[in-house]
Amino acid sequence: MKRNNNNNNNNTNFWISYADLMAGLLFVFILLIGAIIVKYSFLEKKSELLQDSLNTESSALIQAKKLINEKNEKISLTLKELKQTSAALKVNTQNLVKSTKTLDEKNELLKNKEIILLDLIKEKDDLKIYLSLKDKEFKDQSQILSNTSVLLKNKEQDLLKNKILIISLDENIKKLLTTNNNKDKELKNISKKNDLLLESLNSSYIVIDEKNQNLQELLKTILEKKVLLEDFKQNSDSLDDEIRLLKIRIQEKEDKFAAVAQDLVITKNKIKNFTGMKVKVISLLKKSLGSDIKIDAQSGKIILSSNVLFEQGKSQLKPEAKKALKKAVYNYFNTILENDDINKHIDKIIIEGHTNSVGSFLYNLNLSQKRAFAVMDFIFAQDFKRKDKLRHLVISSGRSYLDPVYKNNIEDKEASRRIEIKFSLKNEEAIKEIEAILKVTK
């Protein structure tokens, strides 16, 4: 019970850790989205401020242009007055000769007007300079606004990319959840197997408890005899001999008990290693192959339909099936051969041919063997780097219709026609040793 509780606690801690990890990831995604939104809002506000500043400068520029137009109108009026004055001077030239004093006054007035004209021209030049400066500032502000617009567009594109990334991450999370559900199912199946093995161990513990009780009774008997011996110690040499023999037997029992307890601990560790080894190999295969090949989660085998590979009653591979067969099995075999973490546990890779129950047993046995050999021959024709290793691992066999596939308690004849490729672990000796230890404990 304590071991089961420990396993349950470990599973609970695993899922709690996993939930914390998912919550942390979700919190990071929320922070990332919040940061992007805040930065986007800040840039948008800055753009509005720049737009307001540009509008203010534009208004000032319009006012300056109006002022220049007013000055130009004044200059035009002054020029008209000058023209009129010049005409009047031409008409009144003779009168000016006669009226020198009047001419001097008019000349003085003309000089004053010329001074005013020069001042107006200078003011016009100053306004032109001011206008050019404002125009340059306007262009600079326009360039800043243009750069800001480009920056905003880039930020919008970054925001869109981040949204796409978030969607992709959500999809990955969903895939991870799906994978975890599959892993949960695998763990439940492994847990069931471990429960069966633990039941066997518990029965062994019961036997040990019974032997321990017998030993306690024997010790009790020895103690009783020891009390009697103390009373007759001086006159009973034979009793001394018996005591020595009993002590030897007790020591032998204790040694056997310690050996059995140690064997049980070793057996438990071997059982754990044995149940976890196949799961580890299957997990490594799945990780290496990804989703390209569907691997049975319990046995690690792949199943190929004979309908795709062979014609009815034939054992020659279809030409069009060879490409699909290579895609299905090349990575499977290559992963086992190249990955030392996997192949060091592999004893054999078996290619099994299976048929349905149509025809005699011997006919189907011969057909299934030929089909399995045809697949093996095709595999050996591929360009594996470690083909020498492959020769020591791969065997083929035919099972005729001994292992049909059932659907609703009825043989599924199409599904029964198949090729199975599976592996066996180097565990036969370990299994025999475990069985021998369990027999001794019983």
Protein backbone atom coordinates (compact mmCIF):
# COMPACT_ATOMS: atom_id res chain seq x y z
CA MET A 1 0.00 0.00 0.00
CA LYS A 2 2.84 2.40 0.80
CA ARG A 3 4.41 1.78 -2.58
CA ASN A 4 1.10 2.46 -4.35
CA ASN A 5 0.70 5.65 -2.32
CA ASN A 6 4.21 6.73 -3.31
CA ASN A 7 3.42 6.10 -6.97
CA ASN A 8 0.18 8.06 -6.68
CA ASN A 9 2.01 10.91 -4.94
CA ASN A 10 4.65 10.95 -7.67
CA ASN A 11 1.95 11.06 -10.37
CA THR A 12 0.13 13.84 -8.49
CA ASN A 13 3.35 15.85 -8.12
CA PHE A 14 4.06 15.36 -11.82
CA TRP A 15 0.68 16.73 -12.90
CA ILE A 16 0.88 19.62 -10.40
CA SER A 17 4.31 20.55 -11.80
CA TYR A 18 2.97 20.25 -15.31
CA ALA A 19 -0.03 22.47 -14.49
CA ASP A 20 2.31 25.07 -12.93
CA LEU A 21 4.44 25.00 -16.09
CA MET A 22 1.40 25.55 -18.32
CA ALA A 23 0.20 28.39 -16.07
CA GLY A 24 3.64 30.01 -16.26
CA LEU A 25 3.64 29.79 -20.06
CA LEU A 26 0.15 31.31 -20.21
CA PHE A 27 1.24 34.14 -17.89
CA VAL A 28 4.28 34.86 -20.15
CA PHE A 29 1.99 34.98 -23.22
CA ILE A 30 -0.37 37.42 -21.44
CA LEU A 31 2.58 39.67 -20.44
CA LEU A 32 3.90 39.60 -24.03
CA ILE A 33 0.52 40.61 -25.47
CA GLY A 34 0.11 43.35 -22.82
CA ALA A 35 3.57 44.78 -23.58
CA ILE A 36 2.82 44.87 -27.32
CA ILE A 37 -0.54 46.62 -26.77
CA VAL A 38 1.01 49.21 -24.39
CA LYS A 39 3.85 49.94 -26.82
CA TYR A 40 1.39 50.24 -29.70
CA SER A 41 -0.77 52.67 -27.67
CA PHE A 42 2.31 54.73 -26.74
CA LEU A 43 3.40 55.04 -30.39
CA GLU A 44 -0.14 55.92 -31.45
CA LYS A 45 -0.30 58.68 -28.79
CA LYS A 46 3.12 59.99 -29.87
CA SER A 47 1.92 60.08 -33.49
CA GLU A 48 -1.14 62.11 -32.45
CA LEU A 49 1.11 64.61 -30.61
CA LEU A 50 3.32 64.97 -33.69
CA GLN A 51 0.24 65.46 -35.85
CA ASP A 52 -1.03 68.21 -33.50
CA SER A 53 2.39 69.91 -33.57
CA LEU A 54 2.43 69.71 -37.37
CA ASN A 55 -1.06 71.22 -37.56
CA THR A 56 0.07 74.11 -35.29
CA GLU A 57 3.12 74.77 -37.47
CA SER A 58 0.95 74.64 -40.58
CA SER A 59 -1.41 77.22 -39.08
CA ALA A 60 1.55 79.49 -38.23
CA LEU A 61 2.86 79.10 -41.78
CA ILE A 62 -0.53 80.03 -43.23
CA GLN A 63 -0.61 83.17 -41.02
CA ALA A 64 2.91 84.09 -42.19
CA LYS A 65 1.84 83.70 -45.82
CA LYS A 66 -1.17 85.96 -45.18
CA LEU A 67 1.13 88.58 -43.62
CA ILE A 68 3.46 88.43 -46.64
CA ASN A 69 0.50 88.88 -48.97
CA GLU A 70 -0.60 91.94 -47.00
CA LYS A 71 2.93 93.39 -47.23
CA ASN A 72 2.98 92.69 -50.97
CA GLU A 73 -0.31 94.54 -51.35
CA LYS A 74 1.13 97.52 -49.47
CA ILE A 75 4.21 97.46 -51.74
CA SER A 76 1.98 97.33 -54.81
CA LEU A 77 -0.02 100.31 -53.57
CA THR A 78 3.20 102.20 -52.87
CA LEU A 79 4.47 101.44 -56.37
CA LYS A 80 1.21 102.69 -57.83
CA GLU A 81 1.56 105.87 -55.81
CA LEU A 82 5.14 106.24 -57.03
CA LYS A 83 4.01 105.84 -60.63
CA GLN A 84 1.31 108.43 -60.11
CA THR A 85 3.81 110.77 -58.46
CA SER A 86 6.28 110.32 -61.33
CA ALA A 87 3.55 111.17 -63.84
CA ALA A 88 2.62 114.21 -61.86
CA LEU A 89 6.29 115.23 -61.73
CA LYS A 90 6.58 114.96 -65.54
CA VAL A 91 3.42 117.02 -66.06
CA ASN A 92 4.53 119.64 -63.58
CA THR A 93 8.20 119.87 -64.63
CA GLN A 94 7.80 123.41 -65.80
CA ASN A 95 5.93 124.31 -62.63
CA LEU A 96 8.73 122.69 -60.59
CA VAL A 97 11.30 124.95 -62.28
CA LYS A 98 9.26 127.91 -61.27
CA SER A 99 8.45 126.47 -57.81
CA THR A 100 11.78 125.21 -56.46
CA LYS A 101 10.55 125.20 -52.94
CA THR A 102 7.62 122.95 -53.89
CA LEU A 103 10.00 120.66 -55.80
CA ASP A 104 12.29 120.35 -52.80
CA GLU A 105 9.36 119.37 -50.67
CA LYS A 106 8.27 116.80 -53.22
CA ASN A 107 11.85 115.48 -53.51
CA GLU A 108 11.99 115.16 -49.76
CA LEU A 109 8.67 113.31 -49.83
CA LEU A 110 10.00 111.03 -52.58
CA LYS A 111 13.13 110.28 -50.57
CA ASN A 112 11.00 109.40 -47.59
CA LYS A 113 8.90 107.12 -49.73
CA GLU A 114 12.03 105.48 -51.17
CA ILE A 115 13.25 104.85 -47.64
CA ILE A 116 9.87 103.34 -46.82
CA LEU A 117 10.10 101.22 -49.98
CA LEU A 118 13.57 99.98 -49.05
CA ASP A 119 12.32 99.13 -45.58
CA LEU A 120 9.39 97.27 -47.10
CA ILE A 121 11.72 95.38 -49.48
CA LYS A 122 14.00 94.48 -46.57
CA GLU A 123 10.98 93.36 -44.55
CA LYS A 124 9.85 91.30 -47.54
CA ASP A 125 13.28 89.61 -47.71
CA ASP A 126 13.13 88.91 -43.98
CA LEU A 127 9.69 87.40 -44.45
CA LYS A 128 11.01 85.25 -47.31
CA ILE A 129 13.82 83.99 -45.06
CA TYR A 130 11.33 83.32 -42.25
CA LEU A 131 9.04 81.57 -44.74
CA SER A 132 11.90 79.36 -46.01
CA LEU A 133 12.81 78.45 -42.42
CA LYS A 134 9.21 77.58 -41.65
CA ASP A 135 8.99 75.61 -44.90
CA LYS A 136 12.11 73.65 -43.89
CA GLU A 137 10.59 73.01 -40.44
CA PHE A 138 7.40 71.88 -42.15
CA LYS A 139 9.37 69.47 -44.34
CA ASP A 140 11.25 68.16 -41.26
CA GLN A 141 7.97 67.66 -39.40
CA SER A 142 6.54 65.92 -42.47
CA GLN A 143 9.58 63.63 -42.60
CA ILE A 144 9.22 62.84 -38.87
CA LEU A 145 5.53 62.11 -39.41
CA SER A 146 6.38 59.90 -42.39
CA ASN A 147 9.00 58.02 -40.34
CA THR A 148 6.51 57.66 -37.51
CA SER A 149 3.94 56.28 -39.94
CA VAL A 150 6.48 53.76 -41.24
CA LEU A 151 7.37 52.85 -37.65
CA LEU A 152 3.68 52.40 -36.84
CA LYS A 153 3.24 50.17 -39.88
CA ASN A 154 6.26 48.10 -38.81
CA LYS A 155 4.85 47.84 -35.30
CA GLU A 156 1.50 46.77 -36.73
CA GLN A 157 3.29 44.09 -38.77
CA ASP A 158 5.20 43.00 -35.64
CA LEU A 159 1.91 42.89 -33.74
CA LEU A 160 0.39 40.77 -36.50
CA LYS A 161 3.42 38.44 -36.44
CA ASN A 162 3.13 38.16 -32.66
CA LYS A 163 -0.57 37.35 -32.98
CA ILE A 164 0.31 34.64 -35.52
CA LEU A 165 3.02 33.39 -33.14
CA ILE A 166 0.51 33.30 -30.27
CA ILE A 167 -1.95 31.34 -32.43
CA SER A 168 0.86 28.94 -33.35
CA LEU A 169 1.81 28.59 -29.68
CA ASP A 170 -1.83 27.88 -28.80
CA GLU A 171 -1.87 25.12 -31.42
CA ASN A 172 1.38 23.72 -30.01
CA ILE A 173 -0.16 23.77 -26.51
CA LYS A 174 -3.18 21.85 -27.83
CA LYS A 175 -0.83 19.32 -29.46
CA LEU A 176 1.11 19.02 -26.19
CA LEU A 177 -2.15 18.43 -24.31
CA THR A 178 -3.12 15.74 -26.83
CA THR A 179 0.34 14.14 -26.46
CA ASN A 180 0.02 14.27 -22.67
CA ASN A 181 -3.37 12.54 -22.86
CA ASN A 182 -1.77 9.76 -24.92
CA LYS A 183 1.09 9.58 -22.42
CA ASP A 184 -1.47 9.37 -19.61
CA LYS A 185 -3.11 6.38 -21.29
CA GLU A 186 0.30 4.72 -21.69
CA LEU A 187 1.11 5.37 -18.04
CA LYS A 188 -2.22 3.83 -16.98
CA ASN A 189 -1.47 0.68 -18.99
CA ILE A 190 2.01 0.50 -17.48
CA SER A 191 0.49 1.05 -14.04
CA LYS A 192 -1.86 -1.92 -14.60
CA LYS A 193 1.11 -4.14 -15.50
CA ASN A 194 3.00 -2.92 -12.44
CA ASP A 195 -0.05 -3.69 -10.28
CA LEU A 196 -0.03 -7.29 -11.54
CA LEU A 197 3.66 -7.60 -10.78
CA LEU A 198 3.15 -6.03 -7.36
CA GLU A 199 0.39 -8.57 -6.64
CA SER A 200 2.91 -11.31 -7.39
CA LEU A 201 5.42 -9.62 -5.08
CA ASN A 202 2.77 -9.28 -2.37
CA SER A 203 2.08 -13.01 -2.57
CA SER A 204 5.82 -13.55 -2.18
CA TYR A 205 5.83 -11.26 0.85
CA ILE A 206 2.97 -13.30 2.35
CA VAL A 207 5.05 -16.48 1.98
CA ILE A 208 7.98 -14.71 3.61
CA ASP A 209 5.74 -13.55 6.45
CA GLU A 210 4.60 -17.14 7.00
CA LYS A 211 8.19 -18.33 7.07
CA ASN A 212 9.02 -15.48 9.42
CA GLN A 213 6.22 -16.60 11.75
CA ASN A 214 7.59 -20.14 11.65
CA LEU A 215 10.98 -18.73 12.46
CA GLN A 216 9.55 -16.77 15.38
CA GLU A 217 7.89 -19.91 16.68
CA LEU A 218 11.16 -21.73 16.30
CA LEU A 219 12.95 -18.96 18.20
CA LYS A 220 10.28 -19.16 20.88
CA THR A 221 10.84 -22.90 21.17
CA ILE A 222 14.58 -22.33 21.38
CA LEU A 223 14.14 -19.80 24.15
CA GLU A 224 11.95 -22.24 26.06
CA LYS A 225 14.56 -24.94 25.64
CA LYS A 226 17.25 -22.49 26.64
CA VAL A 227 15.43 -21.89 29.96
CA LEU A 228 15.29 -25.62 30.55
CA LEU A 229 18.92 -25.97 29.63
CA GLU A 230 19.92 -23.35 32.16
CA ASP A 231 18.41 -25.55 34.87
CA PHE A 232 20.23 -28.67 33.70
CA LYS A 233 23.32 -27.05 32.27
CA GLN A 234 25.89 -28.77 34.48
CA ASN A 235 24.51 -32.30 34.01
CA SER A 236 23.44 -32.26 30.34
CA ASP A 237 26.21 -32.20 27.77
CA SER A 238 23.79 -33.60 25.24
CA LEU A 239 21.55 -30.59 25.75
CA ASP A 240 24.52 -28.30 25.08
CA ASP A 241 25.07 -30.08 21.79
CA GLU A 242 21.40 -29.64 20.93
CA ILE A 243 21.60 -25.95 21.75
CA ARG A 244 24.61 -25.55 19.46
CA LEU A 245 22.75 -27.35 16.68
CA LEU A 246 19.71 -25.16 17.21
CA LYS A 247 21.86 -22.04 17.09
CA ILE A 248 23.39 -23.21 13.84
CA ARG A 249 19.92 -23.87 12.41
CA ILE A 250 18.71 -20.46 13.59
CA GLN A 251 21.68 -18.80 11.91
CA GLU A 252 21.00 -20.76 8.74
CA LYS A 253 17.35 -19.66 8.83
CA GLU A 254 18.36 -16.06 9.40
CA ASP A 255 20.85 -16.23 6.51
CA LYS A 256 18.18 -17.72 4.24
CA PHE A 257 15.69 -15.07 5.34
CA ALA A 258 18.20 -12.26 4.60
CA ALA A 259 19.02 -13.83 1.22
CA VAL A 260 15.32 -14.07 0.35
CA ALA A 261 14.74 -10.44 1.38
CA GLN A 262 17.72 -9.31 -0.70
CA ASP A 263 16.53 -11.38 -3.67
CA LEU A 264 13.10 -9.77 -3.40
CA VAL A 265 14.62 -6.29 -3.49
CA ILE A 266 16.73 -7.24 -6.52
CA THR A 267 13.67 -8.82 -8.16
CA LYS A 268 11.62 -5.68 -7.58
CA ASN A 269 14.33 -3.52 -9.20
CA LYS A 270 14.60 -5.92 -12.16
CA ILE A 271 10.82 -5.86 -12.62
CA LYS A 272 10.83 -2.06 -12.60
CA ASN A 273 13.68 -1.98 -15.13
CA PHE A 274 11.97 -4.59 -17.29
CA THR A 275 8.60 -2.78 -17.35
CA GLY A 276 10.27 0.56 -18.05
CA MET A 277 12.73 -0.63 -20.69
CA LYS A 278 10.20 -1.27 -23.46
CA VAL A 279 8.38 1.98 -22.74
CA LYS A 280 11.72 3.80 -22.97
CA VAL A 281 12.56 2.20 -26.34
CA ILE A 282 9.08 2.99 -27.73
CA SER A 283 9.35 6.56 -26.45
CA LEU A 284 12.77 6.99 -28.12
CA LEU A 285 11.37 5.58 -31.39
CA LYS A 286 8.38 7.94 -31.31
CA LYS A 287 10.63 10.90 -30.53
CA SER A 288 12.98 10.06 -33.41
CA LEU A 289 10.26 9.30 -35.98
CA GLY A 290 7.75 12.01 -35.06
CA SER A 291 4.32 11.63 -36.66
CA ASP A 292 5.57 10.05 -39.92
CA ILE A 293 5.01 6.48 -38.70
CA LYS A 294 2.20 5.26 -36.43
CA ILE A 295 3.72 3.06 -33.71
CA ASP A 296 1.66 0.89 -31.38
CA ALA A 297 2.01 2.45 -27.92
CA GLN A 298 1.97 -0.93 -26.11
CA SER A 299 4.24 -3.11 -28.22
CA GLY A 300 6.15 -0.65 -30.44
CA LYS A 301 5.17 -2.52 -33.61
CA ILE A 302 4.04 -1.07 -36.94
CA ILE A 303 1.31 -2.74 -39.02
CA LEU A 304 1.29 -2.69 -42.84
CA SER A 305 -1.78 -3.78 -44.80
CA SER A 306 -1.18 -6.67 -47.23
CA ASN A 307 -3.90 -5.19 -49.45
CA VAL A 308 -1.54 -2.30 -50.16
CA LEU A 309 1.64 -4.37 -50.54
CA PHE A 310 0.50 -7.54 -52.36
CA GLU A 311 -2.07 -8.78 -54.83
CA GLN A 312 -4.59 -11.34 -53.57
CA GLY A 313 -2.78 -14.69 -53.12
CA LYS A 314 0.57 -13.27 -54.32
CA SER A 315 3.86 -12.80 -52.47
CA GLN A 316 5.56 -10.33 -54.84
CA LEU A 317 5.52 -6.68 -53.76
CA LYS A 318 3.48 -4.35 -55.96
CA PRO A 319 5.77 -1.93 -57.83
CA GLU A 320 3.68 1.04 -56.71
CA ALA A 321 3.81 -0.18 -53.08
CA LYS A 322 7.60 -0.09 -52.79
CA LYS A 323 7.80 3.68 -52.40
CA ALA A 324 5.17 3.69 -49.64
CA LEU A 325 6.88 0.71 -47.94
CA LYS A 326 10.25 2.48 -47.95
CA LYS A 327 8.68 5.60 -46.44
CA ALA A 328 6.97 3.52 -43.75
CA VAL A 329 9.89 1.35 -42.59
CA TYR A 330 13.18 3.03 -43.60
CA ASN A 331 13.20 5.55 -40.74
CA TYR A 332 11.99 2.87 -38.30
CA PHE A 333 14.94 0.56 -39.06
CA ASN A 334 17.45 3.39 -39.47
CA THR A 335 16.49 4.88 -36.10
CA ILE A 336 17.03 1.53 -34.37
CA LEU A 337 20.36 0.96 -36.14
CA GLU A 338 21.82 4.45 -35.64
CA ASN A 339 20.58 5.16 -32.09
CA ASP A 340 22.78 3.26 -29.62
CA ASP A 341 20.37 4.13 -26.78
CA ILE A 342 17.80 1.97 -28.61
CA ASN A 343 19.71 -0.84 -30.33
CA LYS A 344 21.63 -1.85 -27.20
CA HIS A 345 18.30 -3.11 -25.77
CA ILE A 346 17.08 -4.80 -28.98
CA ASP A 347 17.42 -8.58 -29.28
CA LYS A 348 15.58 -9.16 -32.58
CA ILE A 349 13.47 -7.27 -35.13
CA ILE A 350 10.76 -9.63 -36.38
CA ILE A 351 8.94 -9.26 -39.69
CA GLU A 352 5.74 -11.35 -39.40
CA GLY A 353 3.37 -12.24 -42.21
CA HIS A 354 -0.31 -12.83 -41.37
CA THR A 355 -3.24 -14.04 -43.51
CA ASN A 356 -6.97 -14.52 -43.06
CA SER A 357 -8.65 -17.92 -42.75
CA VAL A 358 -9.43 -18.30 -46.46
CA GLY A 359 -7.59 -21.45 -47.63
CA SER A 360 -5.74 -24.19 -45.78
CA PHE A 361 -3.35 -23.63 -42.90
CA LEU A 362 -0.26 -24.82 -44.81
CA TYR A 363 -1.13 -22.74 -47.88
CA ASN A 364 -1.50 -19.60 -45.75
CA LEU A 365 1.63 -20.48 -43.75
CA ASN A 366 3.66 -20.69 -46.95
CA LEU A 367 2.10 -17.46 -48.30
CA SER A 368 2.67 -15.52 -45.05
CA GLN A 369 6.31 -16.70 -44.89
CA LYS A 370 6.96 -15.66 -48.49
CA ARG A 371 5.40 -12.24 -47.91
CA ALA A 372 7.46 -11.67 -44.76
CA PHE A 373 10.60 -12.71 -46.65
CA ALA A 374 9.72 -10.37 -49.55
CA VAL A 375 9.50 -7.43 -47.14
CA MET A 376 12.79 -8.45 -45.48
CA ASP A 377 14.47 -8.76 -48.89
CA PHE A 378 13.24 -5.26 -49.80
CA ILE A 379 14.59 -3.85 -46.51
CA PHE A 380 18.04 -5.42 -47.06
CA ALA A 381 18.10 -3.79 -50.51
CA GLN A 382 18.03 -0.30 -48.92
CA ASP A 383 21.19 1.73 -48.27
CA PHE A 384 21.55 1.32 -44.51
CA LYS A 385 25.00 2.33 -43.21
CA ARG A 386 25.06 -0.40 -40.54
CA LYS A 387 23.74 -3.26 -42.65
CA ASP A 388 25.98 -5.74 -40.81
CA LYS A 389 24.11 -4.87 -37.60
CA LEU A 390 20.81 -5.28 -39.48
CA ARG A 391 21.72 -8.85 -40.54
CA HIS A 392 22.15 -9.87 -36.89
CA LEU A 393 18.84 -8.34 -35.80
CA VAL A 394 16.22 -9.00 -38.52
CA ILE A 395 14.33 -12.29 -38.90
CA SER A 396 11.17 -13.10 -40.84
CA SER A 397 8.38 -15.57 -40.08
CA GLY A 398 4.88 -16.49 -41.22
CA ARG A 399 1.96 -17.01 -38.86
CA SER A 400 -0.67 -18.20 -41.36
CA TYR A 401 -4.10 -17.37 -39.85
CA LEU A 402 -3.16 -18.11 -36.23
CA ASP A 403 -3.49 -14.45 -35.13
CA PRO A 404 -6.55 -13.02 -36.92
CA VAL A 405 -7.96 -9.55 -36.29
CA TYR A 406 -11.49 -9.54 -34.86
CA LYS A 407 -14.16 -6.89 -35.18
CA ASN A 408 -17.33 -7.37 -33.12
CA ASN A 409 -16.19 -10.96 -32.38
CA ILE A 410 -16.05 -11.69 -36.14
CA GLU A 411 -12.84 -12.13 -38.11
CA ASP A 412 -11.97 -9.01 -40.11
CA LYS A 413 -10.56 -10.70 -43.19
CA GLU A 414 -9.12 -7.53 -44.72
CA ALA A 415 -7.41 -6.37 -41.51
CA SER A 416 -6.09 -9.91 -40.86
CA ARG A 417 -4.08 -9.74 -44.11
CA ARG A 418 -1.13 -7.75 -42.79
CA ILE A 419 2.61 -7.49 -42.19
CA GLU A 420 3.74 -6.70 -38.64
CA ILE A 421 7.22 -5.35 -37.87
CA LYS A 422 8.11 -5.49 -34.18
CA PHE A 423 11.10 -5.87 -31.90
CA SER A 424 11.94 -8.03 -28.88
CA LEU A 425 14.13 -6.93 -26.00
CA LYS A 426 17.10 -8.72 -24.48
CA ASN A 427 14.99 -9.88 -21.52
CA GLU A 428 14.55 -13.65 -21.77
CA GLU A 429 17.27 -14.44 -19.23
CA ALA A 430 16.02 -11.72 -16.89
CA ILE A 431 12.47 -13.12 -17.07
CA LYS A 432 13.66 -16.66 -16.28
CA GLU A 433 15.72 -15.39 -13.35
CA ILE A 434 12.70 -13.49 -11.97
CA GLU A 435 10.48 -16.58 -12.28
CA ALA A 436 13.10 -18.74 -10.52
CA ILE A 437 13.39 -16.27 -7.63
CA LEU A 438 9.61 -16.10 -7.24
CA LYS A 439 9.41 -19.93 -7.16
CA VAL A 440 12.05 -20.06 -4.42
CA THR A 441 10.19 -17.49 -2.32
CA LYS A 442 7.00 -19.56 -2.59
